[in-house]
Amino acid sequence: MGDNYIGSVISVECVGGGGVYQGKLTAVDPKSGNITLANVFKEGIPLGKCVTLNSNDISSLKVLKSPATAKLADQPSSSKQCTIMPCSNGSPVQKTSNSRKNTKEIRNTRDKFIGNGKENDAGRAILDQFRISPQKEVKTKNKLAPIRMPTEDEIIPVDIAPTPQFRNFEPQIPRPTALDEVSQGAKKPSKKGQGPSGIPLLDALNAYKGYGRRNGRNNGDTLHAPIDFDLEADFDFAANLELFRKEEDDDEFFEKVEKLKMSQNFAHYENIVEDEGRVTSWTNILAKRAELGNGHVEEQHSVSSNTHTEEDDTELTMINGRATSTSKIRFESSSFEKSSTGLPVPAISAIDKKSLIEECVKRMGQEALDTAVTDRFFCWASDVAGRYREKDDVVVVIASSTTSLRSLRRLLTHFDNRGVASCVYGKYPGEAFRNVRVVERIDELPKNKLVCLLSSKVCQDVSFWLKQQNSAHFVCIETIPEGVDPRRVHLLMLCVATAGVRHVSHEEEPKAGMRRMTFEELCKPTTQKRSSPIVVDCAVADIGAPFSWLDDSSHSFLTAAFRASDFLIRLSSN
């Protein structure tokens, strides 16, 4: 093979699935027939290195670009580029049916020429390999045109085709056109045809007021005139400032009024029947209308029922020739507690205490009882705060679904009137207070020294939070909630003391000392606890229940104890 094909771009197909190599022919070994390719692509993937192919592995060889074409394509030109297309003149080469047979013939020919030591014949054998490569059928329209590989002495004519030029477009500038008003016909246009055109100026000329709110409410004067593109009209700063002020007022109204109303929604664990103050359904409205319609009848019925109740609760007895009224309600004291001044205070059982409170509701009404209990609770919380609370501490108020909304509002009012900051969890008060903050999650509560518990029943999250408060003091009513350390509880009892609540036993975890432990001590379970008796700090509050409901001795002792104080009697710590 001569030097004419050195530099041409060829495609080599290898036998046995070796793939197709494409690259630039750089060298041909005249003895072995091996060829070397540069800028090689295998199956369309660039290898980035020179590859030498053995003649035994070559199945077919195709010339993609002749050396003249390759050199012409490599030269940079400022003029028009041309495309070199080889002509297909000449007779087609017959395609063999078996590629293995071709390989065998080539191998025999190569061995024959190499055996004779004729280098020119070996190069001619490589050239024959070019000639016997299988022809590629090219489909042009309806005919198959065979491609013939050129020989050494053949001159390849080329066809020059100009490269297509790209058109350079000018910037597209819209041409303004006059906008005409839509003529108003005699008939009223259909509502289906009304709508914006997408051009604000045209919609303004057509008096379209659909932008903004529906039907142009509060936006009627927005598009009544064409847009002033020249900005000849002065900007209305006063009106613009008024819009900002209105937006601030709306935000403030939402925070103070609307948001509080939204927060009155009931949680999934709340029972609306137990809180009539928050029931706003249509059934309650009908009930109120019925009360207003039959107000006179209801009033007479209530007076007669109250009279009947008083007659049932009292009876006339003759003492020393005088008629006196005695109550049928009698509560016997089971034990006595000692006040801080040393006077005895009667105590009744928890069941009798529950019955006593129910009688107070019948006599006083739920509203009056809630008000009295809340006032006494605030006095007791103030007394505890004076002993343990620091000046800038925030009072934590924890309520639940069973807590009366009336009691919660009254307690927060007392704190707010005295400038005491408080934080509420469990129930929304429904009113805005200056020094009150409502949180939605228990972990948002501050860790302070005074916690007011308005309900004895707390959920699991609240109980877990209470156990983590190691330095807080808890103010409760009647019972100690679960999870609270009784050593830090300050209990308020209503009317009289409650037996069995003040004296409790507290279980403590055993502390490991520095001494050596025996084998028996190590084998004991680690859950062993030590209990110690504790006396809870308590106070008894006068809520307005008559002392005549108690037995005679309890009546006299309780009267003497409250004569020395106003509304609260603090019990002794011994």
Protein backbone atom coordinates (compact mmCIF):
# COMPACT_ATOMS: atom_id res chain seq x y z
CA MET A 1 0.00 0.00 0.00
CA GLY A 2 1.44 3.35 -1.02
CA ASP A 3 1.59 6.57 0.92
CA ASN A 4 -1.49 7.87 -0.86
CA TYR A 5 -3.80 6.50 1.84
CA ILE A 6 -1.72 7.68 4.76
CA GLY A 7 -3.80 10.38 6.46
CA SER A 8 -7.16 9.13 5.21
CA VAL A 9 -10.08 8.51 7.55
CA ILE A 10 -11.09 4.86 7.45
CA SER A 11 -13.58 2.55 9.17
CA VAL A 12 -12.40 -0.92 10.17
CA GLU A 13 -14.77 -3.74 11.12
CA CYS A 14 -13.22 -6.54 13.14
CA VAL A 15 -14.19 -10.18 13.18
CA GLY A 16 -15.69 -12.08 16.10
CA GLY A 17 -17.62 -9.10 17.47
CA GLY A 18 -14.52 -6.99 17.88
CA GLY A 19 -16.47 -3.88 16.94
CA VAL A 20 -15.98 -1.09 14.44
CA TYR A 21 -12.99 1.26 14.67
CA GLN A 22 -12.91 4.65 12.98
CA GLY A 23 -9.86 6.85 12.82
CA LYS A 24 -7.09 8.42 10.81
CA LEU A 25 -4.65 6.02 9.11
CA THR A 26 -1.15 6.95 10.22
CA ALA A 27 0.98 3.87 9.39
CA VAL A 28 0.84 0.56 7.48
CA ASP A 29 3.27 -2.27 8.18
CA PRO A 30 4.24 -3.71 4.76
CA LYS A 31 5.41 -7.01 6.26
CA SER A 32 2.63 -7.95 8.67
CA GLY A 33 -0.12 -5.86 7.18
CA ASN A 34 -0.95 -4.25 10.54
CA ILE A 35 -2.37 -0.73 10.44
CA THR A 36 -2.15 2.07 12.99
CA LEU A 37 -5.02 4.52 13.59
CA ALA A 38 -5.00 7.88 15.37
CA ASN A 39 -7.98 9.72 16.95
CA VAL A 40 -9.73 6.38 17.20
CA PHE A 41 -13.47 5.94 17.86
CA LYS A 42 -14.74 2.50 18.84
CA GLU A 43 -18.45 2.06 18.29
CA GLY A 44 -18.77 5.86 18.33
CA ILE A 45 -16.88 6.26 21.65
CA PRO A 46 -13.55 8.15 21.51
CA LEU A 47 -10.60 6.17 22.89
CA GLY A 48 -8.14 9.07 22.98
CA LYS A 49 -5.13 7.03 21.90
CA CYS A 50 -3.53 5.37 18.88
CA VAL A 51 -4.62 1.79 18.13
CA THR A 52 -2.74 -0.83 16.06
CA LEU A 53 -5.01 -3.44 14.49
CA ASN A 54 -3.79 -6.87 13.42
CA SER A 55 -4.59 -7.79 9.84
CA ASN A 56 -5.96 -11.16 11.01
CA ASP A 57 -8.64 -9.38 13.05
CA ILE A 58 -9.83 -7.13 10.21
CA SER A 59 -13.02 -8.20 8.48
CA SER A 60 -13.63 -5.17 6.25
CA LEU A 61 -12.14 -1.76 5.60
CA LYS A 62 -13.81 1.38 4.31
CA VAL A 63 -12.35 4.76 3.33
CA LEU A 64 -14.54 7.51 4.72
CA LYS A 65 -12.34 10.43 3.66
CA SER A 66 -9.41 10.39 1.26
CA PRO A 67 -6.12 12.01 2.26
CA ALA A 68 -6.86 15.07 0.11
CA THR A 69 -10.28 15.47 1.69
CA ALA A 70 -8.94 15.09 5.21
CA LYS A 71 -6.18 17.68 4.60
CA LEU A 72 -8.68 20.07 3.09
CA ALA A 73 -10.99 19.71 6.07
CA ASP A 74 -8.13 20.29 8.51
CA GLN A 75 -7.06 23.57 6.91
CA PRO A 76 -8.81 26.65 8.35
CA SER A 77 -10.47 28.78 5.69
CA SER A 78 -12.18 32.10 5.98
CA SER A 79 -14.15 31.50 2.77
CA LYS A 80 -17.07 29.20 2.25
CA GLN A 81 -16.58 25.67 3.41
CA CYS A 82 -17.18 22.84 1.05
CA THR A 83 -18.41 19.32 1.41
CA ILE A 84 -16.39 16.59 -0.36
CA MET A 85 -18.61 13.91 -1.81
CA PRO A 86 -16.89 10.92 -3.56
CA CYS A 87 -18.42 9.91 -6.88
CA SER A 88 -19.78 6.42 -7.28
CA ASN A 89 -18.40 5.77 -10.79
CA GLY A 90 -17.16 2.32 -11.66
CA SER A 91 -18.40 -1.19 -11.40
CA PRO A 92 -19.59 -2.51 -8.05
CA VAL A 93 -17.53 -4.98 -6.14
CA GLN A 94 -19.15 -8.35 -5.64
CA LYS A 95 -20.09 -9.03 -2.04
CA THR A 96 -19.03 -12.36 -0.63
CA SER A 97 -21.55 -14.42 1.22
CA ASN A 98 -19.26 -15.54 4.02
CA SER A 99 -16.97 -13.20 5.92
CA ARG A 100 -14.91 -16.09 7.32
CA LYS A 101 -14.07 -17.21 3.79
CA ASN A 102 -12.84 -13.73 2.99
CA THR A 103 -10.66 -13.71 6.05
CA LYS A 104 -9.18 -17.05 5.11
CA GLU A 105 -8.41 -15.92 1.60
CA ILE A 106 -6.76 -12.75 2.87
CA ARG A 107 -4.68 -14.70 5.35
CA ASN A 108 -3.46 -17.10 2.67
CA THR A 109 -2.64 -14.28 0.29
CA ARG A 110 -0.78 -12.42 3.00
CA ASP A 111 1.24 -15.47 3.94
CA LYS A 112 2.00 -16.14 0.31
CA PHE A 113 3.36 -12.69 -0.37
CA ILE A 114 5.23 -12.52 2.89
CA GLY A 115 6.75 -15.89 2.25
CA ASN A 116 8.15 -14.70 -1.07
CA GLY A 117 9.57 -11.62 0.66
CA LYS A 118 7.93 -9.20 -1.74
CA GLU A 119 7.03 -6.05 0.12
CA ASN A 120 5.15 -4.48 -2.80
CA ASP A 121 2.98 -7.56 -3.13
CA ALA A 122 2.18 -7.44 0.60
CA GLY A 123 1.10 -3.82 0.29
CA ARG A 124 -1.00 -4.78 -2.70
CA ALA A 125 -2.62 -7.46 -0.57
CA ILE A 126 -3.65 -4.78 1.91
CA LEU A 127 -5.09 -2.82 -0.98
CA ASP A 128 -6.99 -5.91 -2.09
CA GLN A 129 -8.43 -5.99 1.38
CA PHE A 130 -9.88 -2.59 0.70
CA ARG A 131 -11.37 -3.86 -2.54
CA ILE A 132 -13.00 -7.00 -1.17
CA SER A 133 -14.74 -5.28 1.74
CA PRO A 134 -18.49 -5.96 1.62
CA GLN A 135 -20.40 -3.33 -0.23
CA LYS A 136 -22.81 -1.18 1.69
CA GLU A 137 -26.21 -0.81 0.19
CA VAL A 138 -27.39 2.79 0.26
CA LYS A 139 -31.09 3.27 -0.15
CA THR A 140 -31.84 6.21 -2.45
CA LYS A 141 -35.53 6.65 -3.02
CA ASN A 142 -36.60 3.27 -4.46
CA LYS A 143 -33.19 1.93 -5.62
CA LEU A 144 -30.22 0.47 -3.81
CA ALA A 145 -26.99 2.10 -5.04
CA PRO A 146 -23.81 0.07 -4.34
CA ILE A 147 -20.80 1.94 -3.08
CA ARG A 148 -17.46 1.07 -4.63
CA MET A 149 -14.21 1.76 -2.85
CA PRO A 150 -11.70 3.70 -5.02
CA THR A 151 -8.44 2.23 -6.24
CA GLU A 152 -4.93 3.66 -6.01
CA ASP A 153 -4.75 5.29 -9.43
CA GLU A 154 -8.28 6.61 -9.42
CA ILE A 155 -8.84 10.35 -9.21
CA ILE A 156 -11.74 11.22 -6.93
CA PRO A 157 -13.76 14.14 -8.23
CA VAL A 158 -15.49 16.16 -5.52
CA ASP A 159 -18.73 18.10 -5.50
CA ILE A 160 -18.71 21.40 -3.62
CA ALA A 161 -21.95 22.35 -1.89
CA PRO A 162 -22.26 25.70 -0.11
CA THR A 163 -22.87 25.67 3.61
CA PRO A 164 -26.35 27.04 4.46
CA GLN A 165 -26.30 30.55 5.87
CA PHE A 166 -28.15 31.62 9.02
CA ARG A 167 -30.40 34.60 8.65
CA ASN A 168 -29.83 37.48 11.04
CA PHE A 169 -33.18 38.84 12.17
CA GLU A 170 -33.70 42.36 13.43
CA PRO A 171 -35.19 42.95 16.90
CA GLN A 172 -38.93 42.43 16.83
CA ILE A 173 -40.69 45.63 17.77
CA PRO A 174 -44.49 45.63 18.02
CA ARG A 175 -46.25 48.12 15.87
CA PRO A 176 -48.73 50.16 17.91
CA THR A 177 -52.25 50.28 16.59
CA ALA A 178 -55.15 52.45 17.56
CA LEU A 179 -57.53 50.92 20.10
CA ASP A 180 -61.19 51.54 19.43
CA GLU A 181 -63.95 51.34 21.96
CA VAL A 182 -66.39 48.52 21.60
CA SER A 183 -69.60 50.06 20.41
CA GLN A 184 -72.48 49.51 22.78
CA GLY A 185 -75.35 47.97 20.88
CA ALA A 186 -79.00 48.34 21.57
CA LYS A 187 -79.17 44.95 23.18
CA LYS A 188 -77.43 44.20 26.42
CA PRO A 189 -74.46 41.91 25.80
CA SER A 190 -74.60 38.42 27.23
CA LYS A 191 -72.75 37.72 30.43
CA LYS A 192 -70.96 34.85 28.74
CA GLY A 193 -69.29 37.24 26.32
CA GLN A 194 -68.08 39.64 28.97
CA GLY A 195 -64.52 39.35 30.15
CA PRO A 196 -61.08 40.96 29.98
CA SER A 197 -59.25 41.14 26.70
CA GLY A 198 -55.85 40.84 28.31
CA ILE A 199 -54.91 44.46 27.47
CA PRO A 200 -55.51 46.73 30.49
CA LEU A 201 -55.79 49.87 28.37
CA LEU A 202 -58.43 48.36 26.12
CA ASP A 203 -60.33 47.02 29.13
CA ALA A 204 -60.26 50.51 30.63
CA LEU A 205 -61.72 52.01 27.46
CA ASN A 206 -64.44 49.37 27.49
CA ALA A 207 -65.26 50.15 31.14
CA TYR A 208 -64.36 46.65 32.28
CA LYS A 209 -64.23 46.49 36.08
CA GLY A 210 -63.47 42.84 36.62
CA TYR A 211 -59.96 43.32 38.03
CA GLY A 212 -59.52 43.03 41.76
CA ARG A 213 -62.54 41.81 43.67
CA ARG A 214 -65.51 40.32 41.91
CA ASN A 215 -67.90 42.67 40.10
CA GLY A 216 -65.55 45.55 40.80
CA ARG A 217 -66.56 46.03 44.42
CA ASN A 218 -64.29 48.54 46.19
CA ASN A 219 -62.35 48.78 42.95
CA GLY A 220 -64.71 50.70 40.68
CA ASP A 221 -62.47 53.72 40.18
CA THR A 222 -59.32 51.77 39.39
CA LEU A 223 -59.71 51.46 35.62
CA HIS A 224 -62.21 54.20 34.80
CA ALA A 225 -59.53 56.20 32.97
CA PRO A 226 -56.68 55.21 30.64
CA ILE A 227 -53.26 54.62 32.11
CA ASP A 228 -51.14 57.73 32.33
CA PHE A 229 -47.92 56.57 30.68
CA ASP A 230 -46.39 60.07 30.77
CA LEU A 231 -46.93 60.37 34.54
CA GLU A 232 -48.47 63.80 34.25
CA ALA A 233 -50.84 63.29 37.16
CA ASP A 234 -49.47 63.80 40.69
CA PHE A 235 -49.19 60.79 42.98
CA ASP A 236 -51.71 60.82 45.81
CA PHE A 237 -49.44 60.24 48.80
CA ALA A 238 -52.21 60.83 51.33
CA ALA A 239 -54.44 58.16 49.83
CA ASN A 240 -51.52 55.74 49.61
CA LEU A 241 -50.65 56.36 53.26
CA GLU A 242 -54.26 55.78 54.18
CA LEU A 243 -54.11 52.36 52.53
CA PHE A 244 -51.14 51.40 54.70
CA ARG A 245 -52.94 52.62 57.83
CA LYS A 246 -56.02 50.64 56.92
CA GLU A 247 -53.90 47.53 56.47
CA GLU A 248 -52.34 48.03 59.91
CA ASP A 249 -55.80 48.47 61.43
CA ASP A 250 -56.96 45.26 59.79
CA ASP A 251 -53.95 43.39 61.15
CA GLU A 252 -54.52 44.75 64.64
CA PHE A 253 -58.21 43.86 64.49
CA PHE A 254 -57.31 40.33 63.43
CA GLU A 255 -54.84 39.88 66.30
CA LYS A 256 -57.16 41.31 68.98
CA VAL A 257 -60.60 40.14 67.85
CA GLU A 258 -60.73 37.63 65.03
CA LYS A 259 -57.81 35.51 66.19
CA LEU A 260 -59.27 35.22 69.68
CA LYS A 261 -62.58 34.11 68.23
CA MET A 262 -60.81 31.52 66.12
CA SER A 263 -58.98 30.24 69.20
CA GLN A 264 -62.27 29.42 70.93
CA ASN A 265 -62.70 26.31 68.84
CA PHE A 266 -62.97 23.16 70.88
CA ALA A 267 -60.22 20.58 70.91
CA HIS A 268 -60.89 16.92 70.22
CA TYR A 269 -60.88 16.04 73.92
CA GLU A 270 -63.19 18.85 75.08
CA ASN A 271 -66.87 18.46 75.89
CA ILE A 272 -68.95 21.47 74.91
CA VAL A 273 -71.84 20.39 77.12
CA GLU A 274 -69.79 21.07 80.24
CA ASP A 275 -69.07 24.67 79.20
CA GLU A 276 -72.29 26.44 78.34
CA GLY A 277 -70.54 29.78 78.02
CA ARG A 278 -68.80 28.63 74.84
CA VAL A 279 -71.77 26.92 73.18
CA THR A 280 -72.78 29.08 70.18
CA SER A 281 -74.78 26.57 68.15
CA TRP A 282 -78.29 27.14 66.88
CA THR A 283 -79.74 25.01 69.69
CA ASN A 284 -78.46 27.45 72.29
CA ILE A 285 -79.82 30.39 70.29
CA LEU A 286 -83.29 28.82 70.22
CA ALA A 287 -83.09 28.25 73.95
CA LYS A 288 -82.23 31.91 74.57
CA ARG A 289 -85.09 33.02 72.36
CA ALA A 290 -87.43 30.79 74.33
CA GLU A 291 -86.19 32.37 77.56
CA LEU A 292 -86.78 35.86 76.19
CA GLY A 293 -90.23 34.92 74.94
CA ASN A 294 -91.33 33.33 78.21
CA GLY A 295 -89.36 35.50 80.57
CA HIS A 296 -92.27 36.26 82.87
CA VAL A 297 -93.30 32.63 83.18
CA GLU A 298 -89.70 31.54 83.78
CA GLU A 299 -89.27 34.15 86.48
CA GLN A 300 -92.39 33.02 88.32
CA HIS A 301 -91.31 29.41 88.02
CA SER A 302 -87.84 30.18 89.40
CA VAL A 303 -89.25 32.10 92.36
CA SER A 304 -91.61 29.29 93.24
CA SER A 305 -88.86 26.69 92.88
CA ASN A 306 -86.50 28.68 95.12
CA THR A 307 -89.19 29.01 97.73
CA HIS A 308 -89.84 25.31 97.56
CA THR A 309 -86.14 24.58 97.96
CA GLU A 310 -85.83 26.78 101.01
CA GLU A 311 -88.84 25.07 102.56
CA ASP A 312 -87.31 21.68 101.87
CA ASP A 313 -83.93 22.65 103.30
CA THR A 314 -85.18 24.18 106.53
CA GLU A 315 -87.58 23.15 109.26
CA LEU A 316 -89.05 24.99 112.23
CA THR A 317 -88.12 23.83 115.74
CA MET A 318 -89.09 25.18 119.19
CA ILE A 319 -86.09 26.03 121.38
CA ASN A 320 -86.75 27.73 124.76
CA GLY A 321 -90.23 28.73 123.60
CA ARG A 322 -88.96 30.36 120.41
CA ALA A 323 -89.43 29.11 116.85
CA THR A 324 -86.09 28.70 115.04
CA SER A 325 -85.33 27.30 111.60
CA THR A 326 -82.83 24.48 111.30
CA SER A 327 -81.41 23.05 108.10
CA LYS A 328 -82.02 19.50 106.96
CA ILE A 329 -78.53 19.38 105.40
CA ARG A 330 -76.13 18.01 107.96
CA PHE A 331 -72.46 17.10 107.55
CA GLU A 332 -70.60 15.38 110.37
CA SER A 333 -66.89 16.08 110.72
CA SER A 334 -64.65 13.01 110.73
CA SER A 335 -61.53 14.69 112.13
CA PHE A 336 -60.02 18.05 113.00
CA GLU A 337 -57.01 19.96 111.69
CA LYS A 338 -55.11 22.70 113.50
CA SER A 339 -54.79 26.18 112.02
CA SER A 340 -51.65 28.29 112.12
CA THR A 341 -53.10 30.15 115.11
CA GLY A 342 -53.79 26.90 116.98
CA LEU A 343 -57.58 26.78 116.52
CA PRO A 344 -59.26 23.52 115.47
CA VAL A 345 -60.69 23.30 111.95
CA PRO A 346 -63.22 20.54 111.16
CA ALA A 347 -62.53 18.10 108.31
CA ILE A 348 -65.02 15.97 106.39
CA SER A 349 -64.54 13.08 103.97
CA ALA A 350 -64.00 13.57 100.24
CA ILE A 351 -67.48 12.19 99.45
CA ASP A 352 -69.13 14.62 101.86
CA LYS A 353 -67.04 17.45 100.42
CA LYS A 354 -68.38 16.67 96.94
CA SER A 355 -71.96 16.71 98.26
CA LEU A 356 -71.26 19.98 100.07
CA ILE A 357 -70.10 21.66 96.85
CA GLU A 358 -73.19 20.37 95.01
CA GLU A 359 -75.40 21.95 97.66
CA CYS A 360 -73.47 25.20 97.24
CA VAL A 361 -74.21 25.14 93.52
CA LYS A 362 -77.92 24.67 94.22
CA ARG A 363 -77.98 27.47 96.76
CA MET A 364 -75.65 30.04 95.15
CA GLY A 365 -75.65 29.14 91.47
CA GLN A 366 -72.71 28.07 89.35
CA GLU A 367 -71.69 31.60 88.37
CA ALA A 368 -71.58 32.92 91.93
CA LEU A 369 -69.72 29.84 93.14
CA ASP A 370 -67.11 30.09 90.37
CA THR A 371 -66.57 33.75 91.19
CA ALA A 372 -66.14 33.11 94.92
CA VAL A 373 -63.78 30.16 94.43
CA THR A 374 -61.65 32.10 91.92
CA ASP A 375 -61.32 35.07 94.26
CA ARG A 376 -60.22 32.84 97.14
CA PHE A 377 -57.83 30.99 94.84
CA PHE A 378 -56.21 34.28 93.80
CA CYS A 379 -55.77 35.28 97.46
CA TRP A 380 -54.10 31.94 98.23
CA ALA A 381 -51.87 32.17 95.13
CA SER A 382 -50.84 35.70 96.13
CA ASP A 383 -49.91 34.45 99.60
CA VAL A 384 -47.77 31.66 98.10
CA ALA A 385 -46.20 34.07 95.60
CA GLY A 386 -45.23 36.41 98.40
CA ARG A 387 -43.25 33.61 100.01
CA TYR A 388 -41.60 31.95 97.01
CA ARG A 389 -42.08 33.96 93.82
CA GLU A 390 -39.48 36.45 92.65
CA LYS A 391 -40.39 39.91 91.40
CA ASP A 392 -40.13 39.39 87.64
CA ASP A 393 -41.31 35.77 87.46
CA VAL A 394 -44.14 34.85 85.13
CA VAL A 395 -47.08 33.00 86.68
CA VAL A 396 -48.01 29.85 84.76
CA VAL A 397 -51.73 29.02 84.62
CA ILE A 398 -52.67 25.51 83.45
CA ALA A 399 -56.31 24.80 82.65
CA SER A 400 -58.20 21.98 80.95
CA SER A 401 -61.47 21.34 79.16
CA THR A 402 -63.30 20.98 82.48
CA THR A 403 -62.12 24.37 83.72
CA SER A 404 -64.80 27.02 83.72
CA LEU A 405 -64.11 29.78 81.23
CA ARG A 406 -65.56 32.25 83.70
CA SER A 407 -63.06 31.23 86.38
CA LEU A 408 -60.13 31.42 83.97
CA ARG A 409 -61.05 34.93 82.82
CA ARG A 410 -61.54 36.18 86.36
CA LEU A 411 -58.21 34.81 87.57
CA LEU A 412 -56.37 36.34 84.60
CA THR A 413 -58.16 39.62 85.23
CA HIS A 414 -56.82 39.68 88.81
CA PHE A 415 -53.26 39.05 87.62
CA ASP A 416 -53.54 41.56 84.77
CA ASN A 417 -54.96 44.30 87.03
CA ARG A 418 -51.92 44.01 89.28
CA GLY A 419 -49.41 43.97 86.43
CA VAL A 420 -48.39 40.34 86.97
CA ALA A 421 -47.32 38.62 83.75
CA SER A 422 -48.96 35.24 83.23
CA CYS A 423 -48.79 32.45 80.66
CA VAL A 424 -51.82 30.22 79.96
CA TYR A 425 -51.96 26.70 78.55
CA GLY A 426 -54.86 24.31 78.06
CA LYS A 427 -57.71 26.72 77.33
CA TYR A 428 -58.11 30.03 75.54
CA PRO A 429 -59.58 32.84 77.62
CA GLY A 430 -61.28 34.44 74.61
CA GLU A 431 -60.31 37.95 75.70
CA ALA A 432 -57.28 40.11 75.12
CA PHE A 433 -55.16 40.89 78.21
CA ARG A 434 -52.13 43.13 78.29
CA ASN A 435 -49.95 40.90 80.46
CA VAL A 436 -51.30 37.48 79.44
CA ARG A 437 -49.75 35.19 76.83
CA VAL A 438 -51.46 32.04 75.56
CA VAL A 439 -49.32 29.13 74.32
CA GLU A 440 -50.44 26.15 72.27
CA ARG A 441 -47.72 23.66 73.25
CA ILE A 442 -46.70 22.61 76.72
CA ASP A 443 -42.98 22.96 75.95
CA GLU A 444 -43.48 26.68 75.31
CA LEU A 445 -44.29 27.33 78.97
CA PRO A 446 -41.58 29.10 80.97
CA LYS A 447 -39.96 27.31 83.87
CA ASN A 448 -40.88 29.59 86.78
CA LYS A 449 -41.49 29.19 90.49
CA LEU A 450 -45.29 29.55 90.60
CA VAL A 451 -47.72 27.32 88.69
CA CYS A 452 -51.49 27.62 89.16
CA LEU A 453 -53.44 24.44 88.38
CA LEU A 454 -57.14 25.09 87.85
CA SER A 455 -57.96 21.45 87.21
CA SER A 456 -57.08 18.30 89.10
CA LYS A 457 -57.27 16.15 85.94
CA VAL A 458 -54.35 16.75 83.59
CA CYS A 459 -53.33 14.98 80.41
CA GLN A 460 -50.17 12.92 79.99
CA ASP A 461 -48.14 15.73 78.42
CA VAL A 462 -48.95 18.11 81.27
CA SER A 463 -48.16 15.44 83.85
CA PHE A 464 -44.77 14.81 82.23
CA TRP A 465 -44.04 18.55 82.19
CA LEU A 466 -44.98 18.89 85.86
CA LYS A 467 -42.55 16.15 86.83
CA GLN A 468 -39.70 18.07 85.21
CA GLN A 469 -40.30 21.20 87.33
CA ASN A 470 -37.97 20.65 90.26
CA SER A 471 -38.04 24.16 91.73
CA ALA A 472 -41.64 25.25 91.04
CA HIS A 473 -44.46 25.62 93.56
CA PHE A 474 -47.93 24.41 92.56
CA VAL A 475 -51.16 26.02 93.74
CA CYS A 476 -54.09 23.56 93.48
CA ILE A 477 -57.73 23.22 94.55
CA GLU A 478 -58.94 20.31 96.71
CA THR A 479 -56.82 17.53 95.15
CA ILE A 480 -53.19 17.02 94.17
CA PRO A 481 -52.77 16.37 90.42
CA GLU A 482 -50.86 13.34 89.23
CA GLY A 483 -47.15 13.83 88.68
CA VAL A 484 -46.75 16.71 91.14
CA ASP A 485 -44.33 16.55 94.04
CA PRO A 486 -46.51 16.97 97.19
CA ARG A 487 -43.66 18.75 98.97
CA ARG A 488 -44.14 21.69 96.61
CA VAL A 489 -47.94 21.69 96.55
CA HIS A 490 -50.03 24.44 98.17
CA LEU A 491 -53.59 23.15 98.42
CA LEU A 492 -56.76 25.24 98.78
CA MET A 493 -59.74 23.57 100.50
CA LEU A 494 -63.26 24.93 100.19
CA CYS A 495 -65.49 25.70 103.20
CA VAL A 496 -63.92 23.04 105.47
CA ALA A 497 -60.85 20.82 105.43
CA THR A 498 -60.83 17.50 103.57
CA ALA A 499 -59.78 14.44 105.54
CA GLY A 500 -57.00 12.24 104.19
CA VAL A 501 -55.62 14.77 101.70
CA ARG A 502 -53.16 16.77 103.73
CA HIS A 503 -51.09 13.90 105.14
CA VAL A 504 -49.50 11.89 102.34
CA SER A 505 -46.46 9.66 101.91
CA HIS A 506 -43.88 10.50 99.29
CA GLU A 507 -41.78 7.78 97.69
CA GLU A 508 -38.16 8.60 96.94
CA GLU A 509 -35.52 6.76 94.97
CA PRO A 510 -32.69 5.41 97.17
CA LYS A 511 -29.48 7.34 96.74
CA ALA A 512 -26.31 5.36 96.22
CA GLY A 513 -23.65 6.19 98.77
CA MET A 514 -19.89 5.99 98.68
CA ARG A 515 -19.73 2.96 100.99
CA ARG A 516 -19.13 -0.55 99.78
CA MET A 517 -22.27 -2.59 99.08
CA THR A 518 -22.67 -6.22 100.05
CA PHE A 519 -23.65 -9.00 97.68
CA GLU A 520 -27.17 -9.14 99.16
CA GLU A 521 -27.65 -5.42 98.57
CA LEU A 522 -26.51 -5.75 94.98
CA CYS A 523 -29.02 -8.55 94.40
CA LYS A 524 -31.95 -6.42 95.59
CA PRO A 525 -34.11 -4.90 92.82
CA THR A 526 -33.16 -1.38 91.83
CA THR A 527 -36.80 -0.27 91.88
CA GLN A 528 -36.89 -0.27 95.68
CA LYS A 529 -38.18 3.06 96.98
CA ARG A 530 -38.32 4.70 100.37
CA SER A 531 -41.49 6.46 101.53
CA SER A 532 -41.60 9.38 103.95
CA PRO A 533 -44.64 11.15 105.48
CA ILE A 534 -45.29 14.67 104.22
CA VAL A 535 -47.68 17.36 105.43
CA VAL A 536 -49.00 19.38 102.50
CA ASP A 537 -49.28 23.16 102.88
CA CYS A 538 -53.04 23.84 102.95
CA ALA A 539 -55.55 26.62 103.52
CA VAL A 540 -59.33 26.60 104.04
CA ALA A 541 -61.41 29.23 102.20
CA ASP A 542 -64.84 30.60 103.06
CA ILE A 543 -66.90 30.47 99.83
CA GLY A 544 -70.21 31.60 101.32
CA ALA A 545 -71.69 28.26 102.35
CA PRO A 546 -73.63 28.40 105.64
CA PHE A 547 -71.82 26.84 108.59
CA SER A 548 -75.18 25.60 109.86
CA TRP A 549 -74.87 22.67 107.46
CA LEU A 550 -72.23 21.24 109.80
CA ASP A 551 -72.77 19.67 113.18
CA ASP A 552 -72.86 21.91 116.24
CA SER A 553 -69.26 21.44 117.37
CA SER A 554 -67.90 21.89 113.85
CA HIS A 555 -70.07 24.97 113.45
CA SER A 556 -68.67 26.60 116.58
CA PHE A 557 -65.04 25.71 115.79
CA LEU A 558 -65.28 26.98 112.22
CA THR A 559 -66.93 30.21 113.34
CA ALA A 560 -64.17 30.87 115.86
CA ALA A 561 -61.46 30.14 113.28
CA PHE A 562 -62.84 32.52 110.63
CA ARG A 563 -63.50 35.20 113.22
CA ALA A 564 -59.73 35.62 113.57
CA SER A 565 -59.16 35.90 109.77
CA ASP A 566 -60.96 37.21 106.72
CA PHE A 567 -61.58 34.49 104.12
CA LEU A 568 -58.56 32.15 104.40
CA ILE A 569 -57.35 29.98 107.25
CA ARG A 570 -53.87 28.58 106.79
CA LEU A 571 -53.38 25.24 108.46
CA SER A 572 -50.42 24.47 110.63
CA SER A 573 -47.42 22.70 109.11
CA ASN A 574 -47.17 20.30 112.09
